PDB file of N, CA and C in Angstrom:
ATOM      1  N   MET A   1     -10.853  13.266  -9.642  1.00  0.00           N
ATOM      2  CA  MET A   1     -12.235  12.574  -9.399  1.00  0.00           C
ATOM      3  C   MET A   1     -13.461  13.082 -10.394  1.00  0.00           C
ATOM      4  N   LYS A   2     -14.144  11.962 -10.968  1.00  0.00           N
ATOM      5  CA  LYS A   2     -15.130  12.688 -11.849  1.00  0.00           C
ATOM      6  C   LYS A   2     -16.567  12.057 -11.445  1.00  0.00           C
ATOM      7  N   LEU A   3     -17.733  12.519 -10.568  1.00  0.00           N
ATOM      8  CA  LEU A   3     -18.505  11.546 -10.258  1.00  0.00           C
ATOM      9  C   LEU A   3     -19.494  11.608 -11.193  1.00  0.00           C
ATOM     10  N   ASP A   4     -19.873   9.873 -11.766  1.00  0.00           N
ATOM     11  CA  ASP A   4     -20.187   9.262 -13.048  1.00  0.00           C
ATOM     12  C   ASP A   4     -22.015   9.897 -12.208  1.00  0.00           C
ATOM     13  N   LEU A   5     -22.819   9.304 -13.566  1.00  0.00           N
ATOM     14  CA  LEU A   5     -24.087   9.292 -13.192  1.00  0.00           C
ATOM     15  C   LEU A   5     -24.687   8.092 -12.616  1.00  0.00           C
ATOM     16  N   LYS A   6     -23.697   7.058 -12.955  1.00  0.00           N
ATOM     17  CA  LYS A   6     -23.962   5.906 -11.849  1.00  0.00           C
ATOM     18  C   LYS A   6     -24.584   5.872  -9.895  1.00  0.00           C
ATOM     19  N   GLN A   7     -23.081   6.602  -9.944  1.00  0.00           N
ATOM     20  CA  GLN A   7     -23.093   6.904  -8.509  1.00  0.00           C
ATOM     21  C   GLN A   7     -23.603   8.025  -8.302  1.00  0.00           C
ATOM     22  N   LEU A   8     -24.098   9.157  -8.563  1.00  0.00           N
ATOM     23  CA  LEU A   8     -25.420   9.972  -8.442  1.00  0.00           C
ATOM     24  C   LEU A   8     -26.633   9.367  -8.147  1.00  0.00           C
ATOM     25  N   VAL A   9     -27.206   8.486  -8.837  1.00  0.00           N
ATOM     26  CA  VAL A   9     -28.750   7.545  -8.829  1.00  0.00           C
ATOM     27  C   VAL A   9     -28.494   7.086  -8.092  1.00  0.00           C
ATOM     28  N   MET A  10     -27.167   6.054  -7.317  1.00  0.00           N
ATOM     29  CA  MET A  10     -26.575   5.334  -6.299  1.00  0.00           C
ATOM     30  C   MET A  10     -27.225   5.756  -4.523  1.00  0.00           C
ATOM     31  N   TYR A  11     -26.105   7.681  -4.720  1.00  0.00           N
ATOM     32  CA  TYR A  11     -26.394   8.050  -4.046  1.00  0.00           C
ATOM     33  C   TYR A  11     -27.833   9.141  -3.788  1.00  0.00           C
ATOM     34  N   ALA A  12     -28.328   8.961  -4.460  1.00  0.00           N
ATOM     35  CA  ALA A  12     -29.925   8.974  -4.357  1.00  0.00           C
ATOM     36  C   ALA A  12     -30.847   8.641  -3.537  1.00  0.00           C
ATOM     37  N   GLY A  13     -29.985   6.686  -3.879  1.00  0.00           N
ATOM     38  CA  GLY A  13     -31.192   5.787  -3.544  1.00  0.00           C
ATOM     39  C   GLY A  13     -30.335   5.340  -2.441  1.00  0.00           C
ATOM     40  N   ALA A  14     -29.183   5.857  -1.984  1.00  0.00           N
ATOM     41  CA  ALA A  14     -29.064   5.601  -0.812  1.00  0.00           C
ATOM     42  C   ALA A  14     -29.094   6.287   0.246  1.00  0.00           C
ATOM     43  N   SER A  15     -29.474   7.471   0.285  1.00  0.00           N
ATOM     44  CA  SER A  15     -29.875   8.833   0.617  1.00  0.00           C
ATOM     45  C   SER A  15     -31.469   9.390   0.501  1.00  0.00           C
ATOM     46  N   GLN A  16     -32.480   8.911   0.286  1.00  0.00           N
ATOM     47  CA  GLN A  16     -33.705   8.950  -0.528  1.00  0.00           C
ATOM     48  C   GLN A  16     -33.448  10.532  -1.114  1.00  0.00           C
ATOM     49  N   ASP A  17     -32.608  11.352  -1.799  1.00  0.00           N
ATOM     50  CA  ASP A  17     -32.719  12.286  -2.499  1.00  0.00           C
ATOM     51  C   ASP A  17     -33.072  12.530  -3.691  1.00  0.00           C
ATOM     52  N   PHE A  18     -34.278  12.497  -4.420  1.00  0.00           N
ATOM     53  CA  PHE A  18     -34.635  11.511  -5.462  1.00  0.00           C
ATOM     54  C   PHE A  18     -34.850  13.189  -6.253  1.00  0.00           C
ATOM     55  N   ASN A  19     -34.776  14.550  -5.757  1.00  0.00           N
ATOM     56  CA  ASN A  19     -34.494  15.843  -6.468  1.00  0.00           C
ATOM     57  C   ASN A  19     -33.728  15.231  -8.055  1.00  0.00           C
ATOM     58  N   GLU A  20     -34.911  15.996  -9.099  1.00  0.00           N
ATOM     59  CA  GLU A  20     -34.336  15.210 -10.085  1.00  0.00           C
ATOM     60  C   GLU A  20     -33.371  15.849 -10.809  1.00  0.00           C
ATOM     61  N   ILE A  21     -33.084  17.054 -10.054  1.00  0.00           N
ATOM     62  CA  ILE A  21     -31.798  17.775 -10.529  1.00  0.00           C
ATOM     63  C   ILE A  21     -30.361  17.336 -10.848  1.00  0.00           C
ATOM     64  N   HIS A  22     -30.332  16.217 -10.040  1.00  0.00           N
ATOM     65  CA  HIS A  22     -29.325  14.885  -9.174  1.00  0.00           C
ATOM     66  C   HIS A  22     -28.680  14.384 -10.500  1.00  0.00           C
ATOM     67  N   TYR A  23     -30.135  13.969 -10.875  1.00  0.00           N
ATOM     68  CA  TYR A  23     -29.997  13.159 -12.522  1.00  0.00           C
ATOM     69  C   TYR A  23     -29.901  13.298 -13.719  1.00  0.00           C
ATOM     70  N   ASN A  24     -31.491  13.986 -13.880  1.00  0.00           N
ATOM     71  CA  ASN A  24     -32.781  14.393 -15.016  1.00  0.00           C
ATOM     72  C   ASN A  24     -32.451  15.263 -15.730  1.00  0.00           C
ATOM     73  N   PHE A  25     -31.215  15.137 -17.054  1.00  0.00           N
ATOM     74  CA  PHE A  25     -30.925  15.943 -17.350  1.00  0.00           C
ATOM     75  C   PHE A  25     -31.385  17.059 -17.916  1.00  0.00           C
ATOM     76  N   ASP A  26     -32.905  16.604 -18.217  1.00  0.00           N
ATOM     77  CA  ASP A  26     -33.857  18.081 -18.686  1.00  0.00           C
ATOM     78  C   ASP A  26     -34.423  18.733 -17.364  1.00  0.00           C
ATOM     79  N   VAL A  27     -34.751  18.386 -16.158  1.00  0.00           N
ATOM     80  CA  VAL A  27     -35.156  19.124 -15.450  1.00  0.00           C
ATOM     81  C   VAL A  27     -32.809  20.075 -14.700  1.00  0.00           C
ATOM     82  N   ALA A  28     -31.761  19.926 -15.091  1.00  0.00           N
ATOM     83  CA  ALA A  28     -31.067  19.920 -14.627  1.00  0.00           C
ATOM     84  C   ALA A  28     -31.099  21.689 -15.752  1.00  0.00           C
ATOM     85  N   LYS A  29     -31.970  21.113 -16.478  1.00  0.00           N
ATOM     86  CA  LYS A  29     -31.133  22.356 -17.825  1.00  0.00           C
ATOM     87  C   LYS A  29     -32.544  23.741 -17.520  1.00  0.00           C
ATOM     88  N   LYS A  30     -33.161  22.597 -17.138  1.00  0.00           N
ATOM     89  CA  LYS A  30     -34.335  24.158 -16.806  1.00  0.00           C
ATOM     90  C   LYS A  30     -34.620  24.817 -15.692  1.00  0.00           C
ATOM     91  N   ALA A  31     -33.222  23.763 -14.486  1.00  0.00           N
ATOM     92  CA  ALA A  31     -33.115  25.247 -13.804  1.00  0.00           C
ATOM     93  C   ALA A  31     -31.601  26.090 -13.250  1.00  0.00           C
ATOM     94  N   GLY A  32     -31.105  25.914 -14.906  1.00  0.00           N
ATOM     95  CA  GLY A  32     -29.778  27.042 -15.512  1.00  0.00           C
ATOM     96  C   GLY A  32     -28.324  25.834 -15.554  1.00  0.00           C
ATOM     97  N   PHE A  33     -28.583  24.860 -15.979  1.00  0.00           N
ATOM     98  CA  PHE A  33     -27.155  23.760 -14.733  1.00  0.00           C
ATOM     99  C   PHE A  33     -27.018  23.176 -16.565  1.00  0.00           C
ATOM    100  N   SER A  34     -25.741  22.715 -17.284  1.00  0.00           N
ATOM    101  CA  SER A  34     -25.716  22.268 -18.869  1.00  0.00           C
ATOM    102  C   SER A  34     -25.846  20.435 -18.262  1.00  0.00           C
ATOM    103  N   ARG A  35     -25.828  20.230 -17.310  1.00  0.00           N
ATOM    104  CA  ARG A  35     -25.789  18.839 -16.985  1.00  0.00           C
ATOM    105  C   ARG A  35     -26.385  18.389 -15.533  1.00  0.00           C
ATOM    106  N   PRO A  36     -27.086  17.477 -15.173  1.00  0.00           N
ATOM    107  CA  PRO A  36     -27.081  17.440 -13.813  1.00  0.00           C
ATOM    108  C   PRO A  36     -26.098  17.719 -12.334  1.00  0.00           C
ATOM    109  N   ILE A  37     -25.768  17.907 -11.014  1.00  0.00           N
ATOM    110  CA  ILE A  37     -25.413  18.600 -10.561  1.00  0.00           C
ATOM    111  C   ILE A  37     -25.199  17.749  -9.057  1.00  0.00           C
ATOM    112  N   VAL A  38     -23.956  18.355  -8.747  1.00  0.00           N
ATOM    113  CA  VAL A  38     -24.067  16.460  -8.047  1.00  0.00           C
ATOM    114  C   VAL A  38     -24.495  16.957  -6.660  1.00  0.00           C
ATOM    115  N   HIS A  39     -25.114  15.612  -5.680  1.00  0.00           N
ATOM    116  CA  HIS A  39     -26.037  16.615  -4.503  1.00  0.00           C
ATOM    117  C   HIS A  39     -24.553  17.124  -3.502  1.00  0.00           C
ATOM    118  N   GLY A  40     -24.733  17.954  -2.508  1.00  0.00           N
ATOM    119  CA  GLY A  40     -24.054  18.567  -2.272  1.00  0.00           C
ATOM    120  C   GLY A  40     -23.469  17.785  -0.739  1.00  0.00           C
ATOM    121  N   MET A  41     -24.991  16.716  -0.104  1.00  0.00           N
ATOM    122  CA  MET A  41     -24.216  16.075   1.180  1.00  0.00           C
ATOM    123  C   MET A  41     -23.297  14.839   0.132  1.00  0.00           C
ATOM    124  N   LEU A  42     -23.441  14.827  -0.518  1.00  0.00           N
ATOM    125  CA  LEU A  42     -22.081  13.839  -1.555  1.00  0.00           C
ATOM    126  C   LEU A  42     -20.414  14.947  -1.134  1.00  0.00           C
ATOM    127  N   THR A  43     -21.051  15.736  -1.509  1.00  0.00           N
ATOM    128  CA  THR A  43     -18.872  16.464  -1.575  1.00  0.00           C
ATOM    129  C   THR A  43     -18.877  16.510  -0.074  1.00  0.00           C
ATOM    130  N   MET A  44     -19.903  16.942   0.521  1.00  0.00           N
ATOM    131  CA  MET A  44     -19.924  16.915   2.044  1.00  0.00           C
ATOM    132  C   MET A  44     -18.632  15.249   2.566  1.00  0.00           C
ATOM    133  N   ALA A  45     -19.980  13.970   2.408  1.00  0.00           N
ATOM    134  CA  ALA A  45     -18.820  13.085   2.520  1.00  0.00           C
ATOM    135  C   ALA A  45     -17.553  12.634   2.511  1.00  0.00           C
ATOM    136  N   LEU A  46     -17.999  13.242   0.853  1.00  0.00           N
ATOM    137  CA  LEU A  46     -16.528  13.016  -0.206  1.00  0.00           C
ATOM    138  C   LEU A  46     -14.885  13.934   0.706  1.00  0.00           C
ATOM    139  N   CYS A  47     -16.027  15.134   1.102  1.00  0.00           N
ATOM    140  CA  CYS A  47     -14.640  15.666   1.750  1.00  0.00           C
ATOM    141  C   CYS A  47     -14.061  15.105   3.040  1.00  0.00           C
ATOM    142  N   ILE A  48     -14.986  15.040   4.194  1.00  0.00           N
ATOM    143  CA  ILE A  48     -14.880  14.242   5.079  1.00  0.00           C
ATOM    144  C   ILE A  48     -13.954  12.865   5.045  1.00  0.00           C
ATOM    145  N   LYS A  49     -14.688  12.083   4.076  1.00  0.00           N
ATOM    146  CA  LYS A  49     -13.421  10.441   4.251  1.00  0.00           C
ATOM    147  C   LYS A  49     -12.643  11.423   3.656  1.00  0.00           C
ATOM    148  N   GLU A  50     -11.996  12.722   3.077  1.00  0.00           N
ATOM    149  CA  GLU A  50     -10.769  12.893   2.482  1.00  0.00           C
ATOM    150  C   GLU A  50      -9.839  13.286   4.126  1.00  0.00           C
ATOM    151  N   ALA A  51     -11.208  14.219   4.686  1.00  0.00           N
ATOM    152  CA  ALA A  51     -10.653  14.018   6.157  1.00  0.00           C
ATOM    153  C   ALA A  51      -9.802  13.606   7.103  1.00  0.00           C
ATOM    154  N   LEU A  52     -10.402  12.336   6.770  1.00  0.00           N
ATOM    155  CA  LEU A  52      -9.635  10.613   7.568  1.00  0.00           C
ATOM    156  C   LEU A  52      -9.066  10.299   7.525  1.00  0.00           C
ATOM    157  N   LYS A  53      -8.376  10.193   6.045  1.00  0.00           N
ATOM    158  CA  LYS A  53      -7.486   9.959   5.139  1.00  0.00           C
ATOM    159  C   LYS A  53      -6.656  10.454   6.495  1.00  0.00           C
ATOM    160  N   ASN A  54      -6.382  11.626   5.940  1.00  0.00           N
ATOM    161  CA  ASN A  54      -5.450  13.256   5.971  1.00  0.00           C
ATOM    162  C   ASN A  54      -5.538  12.067   7.463  1.00  0.00           C
ATOM    163  N   LEU A  55      -5.941  13.071   8.295  1.00  0.00           N
ATOM    164  CA  LEU A  55      -6.197  12.197   9.877  1.00  0.00           C
ATOM    165  C   LEU A  55      -5.694  10.797  10.276  1.00  0.00           C
ATOM    166  N   ASN A  56      -5.593  10.238   9.348  1.00  0.00           N
ATOM    167  CA  ASN A  56      -5.358   8.388   9.649  1.00  0.00           C
ATOM    168  C   ASN A  56      -6.488   8.287  11.075  1.00  0.00           C
ATOM    169  N   ALA A  57      -8.372   8.660  10.503  1.00  0.00           N
ATOM    170  CA  ALA A  57      -8.982   8.343  11.270  1.00  0.00           C
ATOM    171  C   ALA A  57     -10.360   7.624  10.827  1.00  0.00           C
ATOM    172  N   LYS A  58     -10.893   6.615  11.659  1.00  0.00           N
ATOM    173  CA  LYS A  58     -12.250   5.785  11.009  1.00  0.00           C
ATOM    174  C   LYS A  58     -13.812   6.965  11.452  1.00  0.00           C
ATOM    175  N   PRO A  59     -14.371   7.341  10.856  1.00  0.00           N
ATOM    176  CA  PRO A  59     -15.198   7.377  10.841  1.00  0.00           C
ATOM    177  C   PRO A  59     -16.331   7.640  12.038  1.00  0.00           C
ATOM    178  N   GLN A  60     -16.341   6.509  12.409  1.00  0.00           N
ATOM    179  CA  GLN A  60     -16.235   6.904  14.548  1.00  0.00           C
ATOM    180  C   GLN A  60     -15.664   7.846  15.757  1.00  0.00           C
ATOM    181  N   ASP A  61     -13.916   8.513  14.862  1.00  0.00           N
ATOM    182  CA  ASP A  61     -13.449   9.001  16.068  1.00  0.00           C
ATOM    183  C   ASP A  61     -13.907  10.546  15.391  1.00  0.00           C
ATOM    184  N   ILE A  62     -15.230  10.664  15.008  1.00  0.00           N
ATOM    185  CA  ILE A  62     -15.844  12.106  14.507  1.00  0.00           C
ATOM    186  C   ILE A  62     -16.448  12.871  15.948  1.00  0.00           C
ATOM    187  N   LYS A  63     -15.931  14.269  15.745  1.00  0.00           N
ATOM    188  CA  LYS A  63     -16.362  14.635  16.634  1.00  0.00           C
ATOM    189  C   LYS A  63     -17.739  15.679  16.080  1.00  0.00           C
ATOM    190  N   LYS A  64     -17.136  16.234  14.676  1.00  0.00           N
ATOM    191  CA  LYS A  64     -18.223  17.228  14.853  1.00  0.00           C
ATOM    192  C   LYS A  64     -18.319  17.983  13.369  1.00  0.00           C
ATOM    193  N   VAL A  65     -18.475  18.279  12.116  1.00  0.00           N
ATOM    194  CA  VAL A  65     -18.806  18.301  10.801  1.00  0.00           C
ATOM    195  C   VAL A  65     -19.420  19.825  10.529  1.00  0.00           C
ATOM    196  N   LYS A  66     -19.116  20.541   9.988  1.00  0.00           N
ATOM    197  CA  LYS A  66     -19.045  21.375   9.962  1.00  0.00           C
ATOM    198  C   LYS A  66     -18.725  22.478   8.202  1.00  0.00           C
ATOM    199  N   ALA A  67     -20.180  21.948   7.415  1.00  0.00           N
ATOM    200  CA  ALA A  67     -20.059  21.827   5.881  1.00  0.00           C
ATOM    201  C   ALA A  67     -20.388  22.957   5.188  1.00  0.00           C
ATOM    202  N   ARG A  68     -19.910  23.770   4.377  1.00  0.00           N
ATOM    203  CA  ARG A  68     -20.856  24.869   3.799  1.00  0.00           C
ATOM    204  C   ARG A  68     -19.861  24.762   2.064  1.00  0.00           C
ATOM    205  N   PHE A  69     -21.519  25.033   1.594  1.00  0.00           N
ATOM    206  CA  PHE A  69     -22.029  24.494   0.099  1.00  0.00           C
ATOM    207  C   PHE A  69     -22.378  25.922  -0.765  1.00  0.00           C
ATOM    208  N   ILE A  70     -21.006  26.223  -1.829  1.00  0.00           N
ATOM    209  CA  ILE A  70     -20.639  27.474  -2.196  1.00  0.00           C
ATOM    210  C   ILE A  70     -20.946  27.228  -3.633  1.00  0.00           C
ATOM    211  N   ASN A  71     -20.856  26.733  -4.981  1.00  0.00           N
ATOM    212  CA  ASN A  71     -21.000  26.248  -6.076  1.00  0.00           C
ATOM    213  C   ASN A  71     -21.189  25.052  -6.266  1.00  0.00           C
ATOM    214  N   PRO A  72     -22.669  24.438  -7.094  1.00  0.00           N
ATOM    215  CA  PRO A  72     -22.911  23.137  -7.553  1.00  0.00           C
ATOM    216  C   PRO A  72     -21.147  22.474  -8.166  1.00  0.00           C
ATOM    217  N   ILE A  73     -21.366  21.209  -8.052  1.00  0.00           N
ATOM    218  CA  ILE A  73     -20.654  20.289  -8.976  1.00  0.00           C
ATOM    219  C   ILE A  73     -21.523  19.686 -10.241  1.00  0.00           C
ATOM    220  N   LEU A  74     -20.883  19.829 -11.326  1.00  0.00           N
ATOM    221  CA  LEU A  74     -21.341  19.705 -12.313  1.00  0.00           C
ATOM    222  C   LEU A  74     -21.243  18.285 -12.499  1.00  0.00           C
ATOM    223  N   LEU A  75     -22.235  17.355 -12.787  1.00  0.00           N
ATOM    224  CA  LEU A  75     -21.597  15.691 -13.960  1.00  0.00           C
ATOM    225  C   LEU A  75     -20.886  15.307 -14.502  1.00  0.00           C
ATOM    226  N   GLU A  76     -19.328  14.437 -14.089  1.00  0.00           N
ATOM    227  CA  GLU A  76     -18.335  14.544 -14.543  1.00  0.00           C
ATOM    228  C   GLU A  76     -17.178  15.448 -14.506  1.00  0.00           C
ATOM    229  N   GLU A  77     -17.602  16.504 -13.665  1.00  0.00           N
ATOM    230  CA  GLU A  77     -16.643  17.802 -13.586  1.00  0.00           C
ATOM    231  C   GLU A  77     -15.415  17.429 -12.732  1.00  0.00           C
ATOM    232  N   ASP A  78     -14.207  17.838 -13.046  1.00  0.00           N
ATOM    233  CA  ASP A  78     -13.143  16.877 -12.517  1.00  0.00           C
ATOM    234  C   ASP A  78     -12.944  17.434 -11.722  1.00  0.00           C
ATOM    235  N   ILE A  79     -13.247  17.269  -9.848  1.00  0.00           N
ATOM    236  CA  ILE A  79     -12.881  17.586  -9.333  1.00  0.00           C
ATOM    237  C   ILE A  79     -11.683  17.575  -7.909  1.00  0.00           C
ATOM    238  N   ASN A  80     -11.039  17.871  -6.678  1.00  0.00           N
ATOM    239  CA  ASN A  80     -10.126  17.445  -6.380  1.00  0.00           C
ATOM    240  C   ASN A  80      -9.935  18.244  -4.666  1.00  0.00           C
ATOM    241  N   PHE A  81      -9.071  17.966  -4.115  1.00  0.00           N
ATOM    242  CA  PHE A  81      -9.562  17.819  -2.503  1.00  0.00           C
ATOM    243  C   PHE A  81      -8.097  18.331  -2.531  1.00  0.00           C
ATOM    244  N   GLU A  82      -7.636  19.461  -1.181  1.00  0.00           N
ATOM    245  CA  GLU A  82      -6.997  20.018  -0.740  1.00  0.00           C
ATOM    246  C   GLU A  82      -6.921  20.423   0.839  1.00  0.00           C
ATOM    247  N   ILE A  83      -5.974  20.232   1.140  1.00  0.00           N
ATOM    248  CA  ILE A  83      -5.866  20.667   3.349  1.00  0.00           C
ATOM    249  C   ILE A  83      -6.048  21.561   3.410  1.00  0.00           C
ATOM    250  N   LYS A  84      -6.507  22.794   3.738  1.00  0.00           N
ATOM    251  CA  LYS A  84      -6.936  24.109   3.510  1.00  0.00           C
ATOM    252  C   LYS A  84      -5.974  24.319   5.042  1.00  0.00           C
ATOM    253  N   GLU A  85      -6.509  23.246   6.327  1.00  0.00           N
ATOM    254  CA  GLU A  85      -5.981  24.073   7.717  1.00  0.00           C
ATOM    255  C   GLU A  85      -5.595  22.914   8.496  1.00  0.00           C
ATOM    256  N   GLU A  86      -4.623  22.388   9.405  1.00  0.00           N
ATOM    257  CA  GLU A  86      -5.537  21.572   9.619  1.00  0.00           C
ATOM    258  C   GLU A  86      -4.313  22.299  11.871  1.00  0.00           C
ATOM    259  N   SER A  87      -5.309  21.866  12.783  1.00  0.00           N
ATOM    260  CA  SER A  87      -4.561  22.198  14.391  1.00  0.00           C
ATOM    261  C   SER A  87      -3.590  21.036  14.267  1.00  0.00           C
ATOM    262  N   PRO A  88      -2.398  22.125  15.193  1.00  0.00           N
ATOM    263  CA  PRO A  88      -1.064  21.353  15.410  1.00  0.00           C
ATOM    264  C   PRO A  88      -1.946  19.940  15.478  1.00  0.00           C
ATOM    265  N   ASP A  89      -3.011  19.774  17.230  1.00  0.00           N
ATOM    266  CA  ASP A  89      -2.903  18.315  17.852  1.00  0.00           C
ATOM    267  C   ASP A  89      -3.063  17.574  16.997  1.00  0.00           C
ATOM    268  N   LYS A  90      -3.638  17.604  15.377  1.00  0.00           N
ATOM    269  CA  LYS A  90      -4.376  16.596  14.240  1.00  0.00           C
ATOM    270  C   LYS A  90      -5.636  16.142  15.314  1.00  0.00           C
ATOM    271  N   LYS A  91      -6.463  17.569  15.437  1.00  0.00           N
ATOM    272  CA  LYS A  91      -7.745  17.294  16.046  1.00  0.00           C
ATOM    273  C   LYS A  91      -8.545  17.908  14.953  1.00  0.00           C
ATOM    274  N   ILE A  92      -8.037  18.556  13.796  1.00  0.00           N
ATOM    275  CA  ILE A  92      -9.685  19.592  13.285  1.00  0.00           C
ATOM    276  C   ILE A  92      -8.970  18.962  11.959  1.00  0.00           C
ATOM    277  N   VAL A  93      -9.416  19.345  10.454  1.00  0.00           N
ATOM    278  CA  VAL A  93      -8.852  19.653   9.263  1.00  0.00           C
ATOM    279  C   VAL A  93     -10.298  20.271   8.979  1.00  0.00           C
ATOM    280  N   ILE A  94      -9.392  21.444   7.935  1.00  0.00           N
ATOM    281  CA  ILE A  94     -10.732  21.731   6.928  1.00  0.00           C
ATOM    282  C   ILE A  94     -10.058  20.695   5.494  1.00  0.00           C
ATOM    283  N   VAL A  95     -11.313  20.962   4.585  1.00  0.00           N
ATOM    284  CA  VAL A  95     -11.355  20.216   3.311  1.00  0.00           C
ATOM    285  C   VAL A  95     -11.829  20.931   2.185  1.00  0.00           C
ATOM    286  N   ILE A  96     -11.179  22.012   1.423  1.00  0.00           N
ATOM    287  CA  ILE A  96     -11.456  21.923   0.140  1.00  0.00           C
ATOM    288  C   ILE A  96     -11.984  21.055  -0.362  1.00  0.00           C
ATOM    289  N   CYS A  97     -13.641  21.336  -1.214  1.00  0.00           N
ATOM    290  CA  CYS A  97     -13.486  20.166  -2.221  1.00  0.00           C
ATOM    291  C   CYS A  97     -13.323  21.789  -3.553  1.00  0.00           C
ATOM    292  N   LYS A  98     -12.926  21.522  -4.572  1.00  0.00           N
ATOM    293  CA  LYS A  98     -11.849  22.287  -5.926  1.00  0.00           C
ATOM    294  C   LYS A  98     -13.329  22.187  -6.659  1.00  0.00           C
ATOM    295  N   LYS A  99     -13.589  22.432  -7.902  1.00  0.00           N
ATOM    296  CA  LYS A  99     -13.517  21.964  -8.916  1.00  0.00           C
ATOM    297  C   LYS A  99     -13.024  22.462 -10.564  1.00  0.00           C
ATOM    298  N   GLU A 100     -13.331  22.033 -12.054  1.00  0.00           N
ATOM    299  CA  GLU A 100     -11.811  22.011 -12.586  1.00  0.00           C
ATOM    300  C   GLU A 100     -11.646  22.947 -12.686  1.00  0.00           C
ATOM    301  N   ASN A 101     -12.664  24.237 -12.354  1.00  0.00           N
ATOM    302  CA  ASN A 101     -11.833  26.138 -13.178  1.00  0.00           C
ATOM    303  C   ASN A 101     -10.898  25.839 -11.540  1.00  0.00           C
ATOM    304  N   GLY A 102     -11.254  25.442 -11.235  1.00  0.00           N
ATOM    305  CA  GLY A 102     -10.178  26.213  -9.182  1.00  0.00           C
ATOM    306  C   GLY A 102     -11.838  26.577  -7.811  1.00  0.00           C
ATOM    307  N   GLU A 103     -12.537  26.498  -8.678  1.00  0.00           N
ATOM    308  CA  GLU A 103     -13.261  27.486  -8.183  1.00  0.00           C
ATOM    309  C   GLU A 103     -13.464  26.650  -6.519  1.00  0.00           C
ATOM    310  N   THR A 104     -13.467  27.101  -4.998  1.00  0.00           N
ATOM    311  CA  THR A 104     -14.322  26.335  -4.462  1.00  0.00           C
ATOM    312  C   THR A 104     -15.577  25.767  -4.454  1.00  0.00           C
ATOM    313  N   ALA A 105     -16.377  24.157  -3.843  1.00  0.00           N
ATOM    314  CA  ALA A 105     -17.317  24.225  -4.013  1.00  0.00           C
ATOM    315  C   ALA A 105     -18.084  23.424  -2.746  1.00  0.00           C
ATOM    316  N   THR A 106     -17.527  22.664  -1.881  1.00  0.00           N
ATOM    317  CA  THR A 106     -17.059  22.514  -0.437  1.00  0.00           C
ATOM    318  C   THR A 106     -16.629  22.652   0.300  1.00  0.00           C
ATOM    319  N   GLU A 107     -16.554  23.137   1.188  1.00  0.00           N
ATOM    320  CA  GLU A 107     -15.090  23.693   2.214  1.00  0.00           C
ATOM    321  C   GLU A 107     -16.319  23.477   3.030  1.00  0.00           C
ATOM    322  N   CYS A 108     -15.304  21.941   4.136  1.00  0.00           N
ATOM    323  CA  CYS A 108     -15.769  20.812   5.623  1.00  0.00           C
ATOM    324  C   CYS A 108     -14.828  21.239   5.948  1.00  0.00           C
ATOM    325  N   LYS A 109     -15.077  21.555   7.502  1.00  0.00           N
ATOM    326  CA  LYS A 109     -14.946  21.726   9.318  1.00  0.00           C
ATOM    327  C   LYS A 109     -14.513  19.955   9.240  1.00  0.00           C
ATOM    328  N   VAL A 110     -13.794  19.086   9.891  1.00  0.00           N
ATOM    329  CA  VAL A 110     -13.945  18.187  10.902  1.00  0.00           C
ATOM    330  C   VAL A 110     -13.064  18.484  12.171  1.00  0.00           C
ATOM    331  N   GLU A 111     -13.970  18.484  12.363  1.00  0.00           N
ATOM    332  CA  GLU A 111     -12.685  18.003  14.268  1.00  0.00           C
ATOM    333  C   GLU A 111     -13.372  16.389  15.069  1.00  0.00           C
ATOM    334  N   LEU A 112     -12.025  15.647  15.734  1.00  0.00           N
ATOM    335  CA  LEU A 112     -12.492  14.210  15.815  1.00  0.00           C
ATOM    336  C   LEU A 112     -11.553  14.572  17.475  1.00  0.00           C
ATOM    337  N   LYS A 113     -12.851  13.203  17.809  1.00  0.00           N
ATOM    338  CA  LYS A 113     -12.838  13.336  19.742  1.00  0.00           C
ATOM    339  C   LYS A 113     -12.207  13.446  20.150  1.00  0.00           C
TER     340      LYS A 113
END
C-alpha cells in the first residue's frame, strides 16, 4: 500500500492536524526528510483496520488500543502490515506496519471487549 498526497491532505482535514510536514515538500525537506511524512495517527488507524479484519471484528468491538510510533513513513513509500502476535482467545492482536525497507514504522496492539 502507498499513501499519496491527496490521502494525506484529506486525513489532515479530517483530523485537523495541519502540520505542514505532512503535505508540504519544502517543510518536510527542512525537517530532514526527502518528502512529506505520513501522519502517525493515520498509520495507527490503518493498523487498527488490519487488526479488525484479522479478528473479524467491528470498530465498536474495540476495548483498547496501544500504539508505538517507531519510524516515519514517507509519502508514496510502500508499506505493508503483518500480524506479529494473536492471543489464543482471538481478543488481542499485534499488528506491525513495515516500511518498504523492512523497518518497523508502527506497532499497534488492539484488544477487543
